[in-house]
């Protein structure tokens, strides 16, 4: 009578090298695809906010970068021309909202100047932030 256990079964192994390759290529694909989705965006470091944002359907994107370059819908605009450009957008629609994207290194006085223009033209203004 033999009381020893016999280990004559096949060993169970899982080879994951092919799966690792596939996961690496998927990750690489999504990283590249996410950078290509919106290539014409002005690069800004936005301040952070924990609250959500509400944007109407008719919006104009106004941005101020760290070199104090103002852009309205991806077109460079001088500060003095900002009221006339935004007034032209106001004539096109009755309910307009400005989405203001400002680099976090820009002085608050430059932000307030855009807010004053929006107030004089009776346009709603939303300050864009990065979600935490």
C-alpha atoms as a PDB file:
ATOM      1  CA  UNK A   1       0.000   0.000   0.000  1.00  0.00           C
ATOM      2  CA  UNK A   2       1.475   3.271  -1.173  1.00  0.00           C
ATOM      3  CA  UNK A   3       0.367   6.296   0.941  1.00  0.00           C
ATOM      4  CA  UNK A   4       2.320   8.962  -0.880  1.00  0.00           C
ATOM      5  CA  UNK A   5       0.489  11.396  -3.112  1.00  0.00           C
ATOM      6  CA  UNK A   6       1.398  11.345  -6.719  1.00  0.00           C
ATOM      7  CA  UNK A   7       1.861  14.631  -8.617  1.00  0.00           C
ATOM      8  CA  UNK A   8       1.440  13.444 -12.166  1.00  0.00           C
ATOM      9  CA  UNK A   9      -1.095  16.085 -13.323  1.00  0.00           C
ATOM     10  CA  UNK A  10      -0.405  18.875 -15.779  1.00  0.00           C
ATOM     11  CA  UNK A  11       0.799  22.094 -14.217  1.00  0.00           C
ATOM     12  CA  UNK A  12      -1.466  25.131 -14.642  1.00  0.00           C
ATOM     13  CA  UNK A  13       0.379  28.182 -16.007  1.00  0.00           C
ATOM     14  CA  UNK A  14      -0.907  31.379 -17.565  1.00  0.00           C
ATOM     15  CA  UNK A  15       1.323  33.193 -20.021  1.00  0.00           C
ATOM     16  CA  UNK A  16       0.491  36.900 -19.947  1.00  0.00           C
ATOM     17  CA  UNK A  17       3.212  38.310 -22.171  1.00  0.00           C
ATOM     18  CA  UNK A  18       0.871  38.688 -25.150  1.00  0.00           C
ATOM     19  CA  UNK A  19      -1.747  40.376 -22.979  1.00  0.00           C
ATOM     20  CA  UNK A  20       0.869  42.788 -21.623  1.00  0.00           C
ATOM     21  CA  UNK A  21       1.812  43.785 -25.167  1.00  0.00           C
ATOM     22  CA  UNK A  22      -1.811  44.408 -26.097  1.00  0.00           C
ATOM     23  CA  UNK A  23      -2.428  46.511 -22.975  1.00  0.00           C
ATOM     24  CA  UNK A  24       0.703  48.568 -23.673  1.00  0.00           C
ATOM     25  CA  UNK A  25      -0.388  49.310 -27.242  1.00  0.00           C
ATOM     26  CA  UNK A  26      -3.918  50.220 -26.110  1.00  0.00           C
ATOM     27  CA  UNK A  27      -2.520  52.604 -23.508  1.00  0.00           C
ATOM     28  CA  UNK A  28      -0.202  54.157 -26.075  1.00  0.00           C
ATOM     29  CA  UNK A  29      -3.057  54.528 -28.562  1.00  0.00           C
ATOM     30  CA  UNK A  30      -5.326  56.299 -26.062  1.00  0.00           C
ATOM     31  CA  UNK A  31      -2.546  58.635 -24.927  1.00  0.00           C
ATOM     32  CA  UNK A  32      -1.810  59.678 -28.491  1.00  0.00           C
ATOM     33  CA  UNK A  33      -5.507  59.947 -29.367  1.00  0.00           C
ATOM     34  CA  UNK A  34      -6.207  62.178 -26.364  1.00  0.00           C
ATOM     35  CA  UNK A  35      -3.533  64.698 -27.386  1.00  0.00           C
ATOM     36  CA  UNK A  36      -4.763  64.876 -30.977  1.00  0.00           C
ATOM     37  CA  UNK A  37      -8.446  65.451 -30.158  1.00  0.00           C
ATOM     38  CA  UNK A  38      -8.158  69.234 -29.759  1.00  0.00           C
ATOM     39  CA  UNK A  39      -4.809  70.471 -31.123  1.00  0.00           C
ATOM     40  CA  UNK A  40      -5.791  74.149 -31.591  1.00  0.00           C
ATOM     41  CA  UNK A  41      -6.258  74.938 -27.914  1.00  0.00           C
ATOM     42  CA  UNK A  42      -4.313  77.725 -26.250  1.00  0.00           C
ATOM     43  CA  UNK A  43      -2.142  76.185 -23.513  1.00  0.00           C
ATOM     44  CA  UNK A  44      -3.133  77.638 -20.132  1.00  0.00           C
ATOM     45  CA  UNK A  45      -2.674  76.624 -16.509  1.00  0.00           C
ATOM     46  CA  UNK A  46      -6.185  77.106 -15.148  1.00  0.00           C
ATOM     47  CA  UNK A  47      -7.079  77.535 -11.482  1.00  0.00           C
ATOM     48  CA  UNK A  48      -8.845  74.618  -9.785  1.00  0.00           C
ATOM     49  CA  UNK A  49     -12.436  74.479  -8.574  1.00  0.00           C
ATOM     50  CA  UNK A  50     -14.451  71.786  -6.819  1.00  0.00           C
ATOM     51  CA  UNK A  51     -17.836  73.026  -8.057  1.00  0.00           C
ATOM     52  CA  UNK A  52     -19.339  72.130 -11.417  1.00  0.00           C
ATOM     53  CA  UNK A  53     -19.816  74.484 -14.311  1.00  0.00           C
ATOM     54  CA  UNK A  54     -22.889  75.497 -16.274  1.00  0.00           C
ATOM     55  CA  UNK A  55     -22.454  76.732 -19.829  1.00  0.00           C
ATOM     56  CA  UNK A  56     -25.219  77.854 -22.174  1.00  0.00           C
ATOM     57  CA  UNK A  57     -25.354  76.591 -25.744  1.00  0.00           C
ATOM     58  CA  UNK A  58     -24.191  79.867 -27.309  1.00  0.00           C
ATOM     59  CA  UNK A  59     -20.700  80.545 -26.003  1.00  0.00           C
ATOM     60  CA  UNK A  60     -17.665  82.593 -26.954  1.00  0.00           C
ATOM     61  CA  UNK A  61     -14.284  81.431 -25.684  1.00  0.00           C
ATOM     62  CA  UNK A  62     -12.074  84.253 -24.454  1.00  0.00           C
ATOM     63  CA  UNK A  63      -8.626  83.392 -23.138  1.00  0.00           C
ATOM     64  CA  UNK A  64      -5.712  85.293 -21.649  1.00  0.00           C
ATOM     65  CA  UNK A  65      -2.335  83.553 -21.629  1.00  0.00           C
ATOM     66  CA  UNK A  66       0.638  84.281 -19.400  1.00  0.00           C
ATOM     67  CA  UNK A  67       2.019  86.811 -21.934  1.00  0.00           C
ATOM     68  CA  UNK A  68      -1.284  88.772 -21.758  1.00  0.00           C
ATOM     69  CA  UNK A  69      -2.278  87.750 -25.279  1.00  0.00           C
ATOM     70  CA  UNK A  70      -6.092  87.899 -25.602  1.00  0.00           C
ATOM     71  CA  UNK A  71      -7.839  85.451 -27.933  1.00  0.00           C
ATOM     72  CA  UNK A  72     -11.523  85.334 -28.859  1.00  0.00           C
ATOM     73  CA  UNK A  73     -12.524  82.011 -30.421  1.00  0.00           C
ATOM     74  CA  UNK A  74      -8.900  81.255 -31.384  1.00  0.00           C
ATOM     75  CA  UNK A  75      -8.364  84.690 -32.967  1.00  0.00           C
ATOM     76  CA  UNK A  76      -5.866  87.081 -31.429  1.00  0.00           C
ATOM     77  CA  UNK A  77      -7.472  90.342 -30.309  1.00  0.00           C
ATOM     78  CA  UNK A  78      -6.057  93.512 -28.755  1.00  0.00           C
ATOM     79  CA  UNK A  79      -7.441  94.558 -25.377  1.00  0.00           C
ATOM     80  CA  UNK A  80      -8.802  97.793 -26.819  1.00  0.00           C
ATOM     81  CA  UNK A  81     -10.697  95.909 -29.556  1.00  0.00           C
ATOM     82  CA  UNK A  82     -12.320  93.476 -27.110  1.00  0.00           C
ATOM     83  CA  UNK A  83     -15.601  95.463 -26.628  1.00  0.00           C
ATOM     84  CA  UNK A  84     -16.200  95.778 -30.379  1.00  0.00           C
ATOM     85  CA  UNK A  85     -15.428  92.096 -31.079  1.00  0.00           C
ATOM     86  CA  UNK A  86     -17.667  90.870 -28.255  1.00  0.00           C
ATOM     87  CA  UNK A  87     -20.350  93.363 -29.313  1.00  0.00           C
ATOM     88  CA  UNK A  88     -20.347  91.757 -32.753  1.00  0.00           C
ATOM     89  CA  UNK A  89     -20.964  88.351 -31.158  1.00  0.00           C
ATOM     90  CA  UNK A  90     -23.730  89.857 -29.024  1.00  0.00           C
ATOM     91  CA  UNK A  91     -25.545  91.083 -32.154  1.00  0.00           C
ATOM     92  CA  UNK A  92     -25.629  87.528 -33.556  1.00  0.00           C
ATOM     93  CA  UNK A  93     -27.538  86.018 -30.631  1.00  0.00           C
ATOM     94  CA  UNK A  94     -29.729  87.164 -27.768  1.00  0.00           C
ATOM     95  CA  UNK A  95     -28.412  84.787 -25.105  1.00  0.00           C
ATOM     96  CA  UNK A  96     -24.614  84.740 -25.133  1.00  0.00           C
ATOM     97  CA  UNK A  97     -22.129  83.456 -22.556  1.00  0.00           C
ATOM     98  CA  UNK A  98     -18.416  84.181 -22.433  1.00  0.00           C
ATOM     99  CA  UNK A  99     -16.215  81.318 -21.220  1.00  0.00           C
ATOM    100  CA  UNK A 100     -13.169  83.071 -19.799  1.00  0.00           C
ATOM    101  CA  UNK A 101     -10.011  80.951 -19.591  1.00  0.00           C
ATOM    102  CA  UNK A 102      -7.188  82.718 -17.824  1.00  0.00           C
ATOM    103  CA  UNK A 103      -3.717  81.452 -16.973  1.00  0.00           C
ATOM    104  CA  UNK A 104      -3.307  81.334 -13.209  1.00  0.00           C
ATOM    105  CA  UNK A 105      -0.249  83.603 -13.363  1.00  0.00           C
ATOM    106  CA  UNK A 106      -2.222  86.513 -14.887  1.00  0.00           C
ATOM    107  CA  UNK A 107      -3.031  89.437 -12.581  1.00  0.00           C
ATOM    108  CA  UNK A 108      -6.624  89.761 -11.445  1.00  0.00           C
ATOM    109  CA  UNK A 109      -6.901  93.266 -12.945  1.00  0.00           C
ATOM    110  CA  UNK A 110      -6.721  91.781 -16.458  1.00  0.00           C
ATOM    111  CA  UNK A 111      -9.542  89.377 -15.582  1.00  0.00           C
ATOM    112  CA  UNK A 112     -11.629  92.195 -14.154  1.00  0.00           C
ATOM    113  CA  UNK A 113     -11.168  94.228 -17.343  1.00  0.00           C
ATOM    114  CA  UNK A 114     -12.791  91.433 -19.370  1.00  0.00           C
ATOM    115  CA  UNK A 115     -15.525  91.139 -16.741  1.00  0.00           C
ATOM    116  CA  UNK A 116     -16.207  94.882 -17.070  1.00  0.00           C
ATOM    117  CA  UNK A 117     -16.552  94.576 -20.840  1.00  0.00           C
ATOM    118  CA  UNK A 118     -19.004  91.687 -20.403  1.00  0.00           C
ATOM    119  CA  UNK A 119     -20.991  93.656 -17.813  1.00  0.00           C
ATOM    120  CA  UNK A 120     -21.243  96.730 -20.065  1.00  0.00           C
ATOM    121  CA  UNK A 121     -22.458  94.583 -22.964  1.00  0.00           C
ATOM    122  CA  UNK A 122     -24.860  92.650 -20.688  1.00  0.00           C
ATOM    123  CA  UNK A 123     -23.232  89.287 -21.504  1.00  0.00           C
ATOM    124  CA  UNK A 124     -23.049  86.405 -19.028  1.00  0.00           C
ATOM    125  CA  UNK A 125     -19.513  85.389 -18.091  1.00  0.00           C
ATOM    126  CA  UNK A 126     -18.235  82.051 -16.780  1.00  0.00           C
ATOM    127  CA  UNK A 127     -14.694  81.576 -15.489  1.00  0.00           C
ATOM    128  CA  UNK A 128     -13.186  78.276 -16.721  1.00  0.00           C
ATOM    129  CA  UNK A 129     -11.407  76.139 -14.145  1.00  0.00           C
ATOM    130  CA  UNK A 130      -9.819  72.696 -13.961  1.00  0.00           C
ATOM    131  CA  UNK A 131     -11.743  70.111 -11.919  1.00  0.00           C
ATOM    132  CA  UNK A 132      -9.855  68.661  -8.975  1.00  0.00           C
END
